Amino acid sequence: MISARLPDELEQLLGSASKAKHMSKSDMVKEALVQYLGRDMEEKSSFELGEDLFGRYGSGDGSLSQNYKEKLQDKINAKLNTNKHHPH
């Protein structure tokens, strides 16, 4: 057995919907939970959720994940060399 407190507005919406569907409030809540929990179980994996975004904003350089440290070090060195030649 469970009981739950609902905000007044939600309680009113539930009451209106249950009257319109000729269902008890309890049955409306049960149906809503079954639908919600059923959707939750069918939830997509992280990969499936972002699949359409992967690669969309890529750099075009497919080797970045393998040699990012080298590229980062090159950028740091370039910045340090620039600062040596152009003091603030």
C-alpha atoms as a PDB file:
ATOM      1  CA  MET A   1       0.000   0.000   0.000  1.00  0.00           C
ATOM      2  CA  ILE A   2       1.252   3.462  -0.797  1.00  0.00           C
ATOM      3  CA  SER A   3      -0.082   6.928  -0.255  1.00  0.00           C
ATOM      4  CA  ALA A   4       1.228  10.093  -1.813  1.00  0.00           C
ATOM      5  CA  ARG A   5       0.596  13.772  -1.322  1.00  0.00           C
ATOM      6  CA  LEU A   6      -0.052  15.685  -4.515  1.00  0.00           C
ATOM      7  CA  PRO A   7       0.077  19.420  -5.079  1.00  0.00           C
ATOM      8  CA  ASP A   8      -3.426  20.915  -5.308  1.00  0.00           C
ATOM      9  CA  GLU A   9      -3.153  21.578  -9.032  1.00  0.00           C
ATOM     10  CA  LEU A  10      -2.112  17.991  -9.786  1.00  0.00           C
ATOM     11  CA  GLU A  11      -4.872  16.659  -7.528  1.00  0.00           C
ATOM     12  CA  GLN A  12      -7.421  18.718  -9.484  1.00  0.00           C
ATOM     13  CA  LEU A  13      -6.061  17.494 -12.821  1.00  0.00           C
ATOM     14  CA  LEU A  14      -6.206  13.912 -11.597  1.00  0.00           C
ATOM     15  CA  GLY A  15      -9.782  14.399 -10.409  1.00  0.00           C
ATOM     16  CA  SER A  16     -10.867  15.903 -13.731  1.00  0.00           C
ATOM     17  CA  ALA A  17      -9.145  13.198 -15.761  1.00  0.00           C
ATOM     18  CA  SER A  18     -10.563  10.387 -13.645  1.00  0.00           C
ATOM     19  CA  LYS A  19     -14.105  11.749 -14.059  1.00  0.00           C
ATOM     20  CA  ALA A  20     -13.644  12.178 -17.798  1.00  0.00           C
ATOM     21  CA  LYS A  21     -12.387   8.592 -18.166  1.00  0.00           C
ATOM     22  CA  HIS A  22     -14.847   7.171 -15.621  1.00  0.00           C
ATOM     23  CA  MET A  23     -11.980   5.723 -13.607  1.00  0.00           C
ATOM     24  CA  SER A  24     -11.023   5.985  -9.965  1.00  0.00           C
ATOM     25  CA  LYS A  25      -8.082   8.183  -9.036  1.00  0.00           C
ATOM     26  CA  SER A  26      -6.246   5.066  -7.838  1.00  0.00           C
ATOM     27  CA  ASP A  27      -6.725   3.365 -11.196  1.00  0.00           C
ATOM     28  CA  MET A  28      -5.542   6.495 -13.007  1.00  0.00           C
ATOM     29  CA  VAL A  29      -2.378   6.606 -10.875  1.00  0.00           C
ATOM     30  CA  LYS A  30      -1.763   2.870 -11.386  1.00  0.00           C
ATOM     31  CA  GLU A  31      -2.144   3.224 -15.155  1.00  0.00           C
ATOM     32  CA  ALA A  32       0.178   6.224 -15.241  1.00  0.00           C
ATOM     33  CA  LEU A  33       2.813   4.371 -13.215  1.00  0.00           C
ATOM     34  CA  VAL A  34       2.604   1.295 -15.425  1.00  0.00           C
ATOM     35  CA  GLN A  35       3.112   3.458 -18.521  1.00  0.00           C
ATOM     36  CA  TYR A  36       5.925   5.468 -16.934  1.00  0.00           C
ATOM     37  CA  LEU A  37       7.766   2.463 -15.564  1.00  0.00           C
ATOM     38  CA  GLY A  38       7.274   0.544 -18.804  1.00  0.00           C
ATOM     39  CA  ARG A  39       8.884   3.374 -20.760  1.00  0.00           C
ATOM     40  CA  ASP A  40      11.674   3.521 -18.223  1.00  0.00           C
ATOM     41  CA  MET A  41      12.454  -0.154 -18.792  1.00  0.00           C
ATOM     42  CA  GLU A  42      12.547   0.358 -22.540  1.00  0.00           C
ATOM     43  CA  GLU A  43      15.044   3.165 -22.044  1.00  0.00           C
ATOM     44  CA  LYS A  44      17.700   3.398 -24.704  1.00  0.00           C
ATOM     45  CA  SER A  45      21.378   2.961 -23.996  1.00  0.00           C
ATOM     46  CA  SER A  46      23.618   6.010 -23.770  1.00  0.00           C
ATOM     47  CA  PHE A  47      24.978   5.193 -27.204  1.00  0.00           C
ATOM     48  CA  GLU A  48      21.498   4.982 -28.725  1.00  0.00           C
ATOM     49  CA  LEU A  49      20.489   8.316 -27.165  1.00  0.00           C
ATOM     50  CA  GLY A  50      23.473  10.162 -28.635  1.00  0.00           C
ATOM     51  CA  GLU A  51      24.009   8.159 -31.805  1.00  0.00           C
ATOM     52  CA  ASP A  52      22.693  10.905 -34.102  1.00  0.00           C
ATOM     53  CA  LEU A  53      25.063  13.423 -32.480  1.00  0.00           C
ATOM     54  CA  PHE A  54      28.290  11.428 -32.630  1.00  0.00           C
ATOM     55  CA  GLY A  55      30.642  12.853 -35.210  1.00  0.00           C
ATOM     56  CA  ARG A  56      28.293  15.692 -36.087  1.00  0.00           C
ATOM     57  CA  TYR A  57      30.653  18.327 -34.746  1.00  0.00           C
ATOM     58  CA  GLY A  58      33.867  16.443 -35.292  1.00  0.00           C
ATOM     59  CA  SER A  59      37.170  17.990 -36.212  1.00  0.00           C
ATOM     60  CA  GLY A  60      37.580  15.751 -39.214  1.00  0.00           C
ATOM     61  CA  ASP A  61      40.741  14.372 -37.632  1.00  0.00           C
ATOM     62  CA  GLY A  62      39.983  10.756 -36.763  1.00  0.00           C
ATOM     63  CA  SER A  63      43.277  10.343 -34.904  1.00  0.00           C
ATOM     64  CA  LEU A  64      42.531  12.814 -32.107  1.00  0.00           C
ATOM     65  CA  SER A  65      41.468  10.189 -29.610  1.00  0.00           C
ATOM     66  CA  GLN A  66      44.738   8.307 -30.091  1.00  0.00           C
ATOM     67  CA  ASN A  67      47.221  11.193 -30.097  1.00  0.00           C
ATOM     68  CA  TYR A  68      45.512  13.997 -28.188  1.00  0.00           C
ATOM     69  CA  LYS A  69      48.384  14.274 -25.691  1.00  0.00           C
ATOM     70  CA  GLU A  70      50.880  14.920 -28.481  1.00  0.00           C
ATOM     71  CA  LYS A  71      48.608  17.507 -30.113  1.00  0.00           C
ATOM     72  CA  LEU A  72      47.992  19.200 -26.758  1.00  0.00           C
ATOM     73  CA  GLN A  73      51.720  19.379 -26.047  1.00  0.00           C
ATOM     74  CA  ASP A  74      52.302  20.880 -29.521  1.00  0.00           C
ATOM     75  CA  LYS A  75      49.705  23.593 -28.805  1.00  0.00           C
ATOM     76  CA  ILE A  76      51.227  24.353 -25.401  1.00  0.00           C
ATOM     77  CA  ASN A  77      54.719  24.578 -26.914  1.00  0.00           C
ATOM     78  CA  ALA A  78      53.479  26.835 -29.698  1.00  0.00           C
ATOM     79  CA  LYS A  79      51.817  29.139 -27.169  1.00  0.00           C
ATOM     80  CA  LEU A  80      54.929  29.220 -24.979  1.00  0.00           C
ATOM     81  CA  ASN A  81      57.111  30.006 -27.992  1.00  0.00           C
ATOM     82  CA  THR A  82      54.752  32.802 -29.072  1.00  0.00           C
ATOM     83  CA  ASN A  83      54.838  34.348 -25.594  1.00  0.00           C
ATOM     84  CA  LYS A  84      58.673  34.267 -25.562  1.00  0.00           C
ATOM     85  CA  HIS A  85      58.826  36.268 -28.815  1.00  0.00           C
ATOM     86  CA  HIS A  86      56.039  38.695 -27.889  1.00  0.00           C
ATOM     87  CA  PRO A  87      56.359  39.657 -24.204  1.00  0.00           C
ATOM     88  CA  HIS A  88      53.367  41.367 -22.618  1.00  0.00           C
END
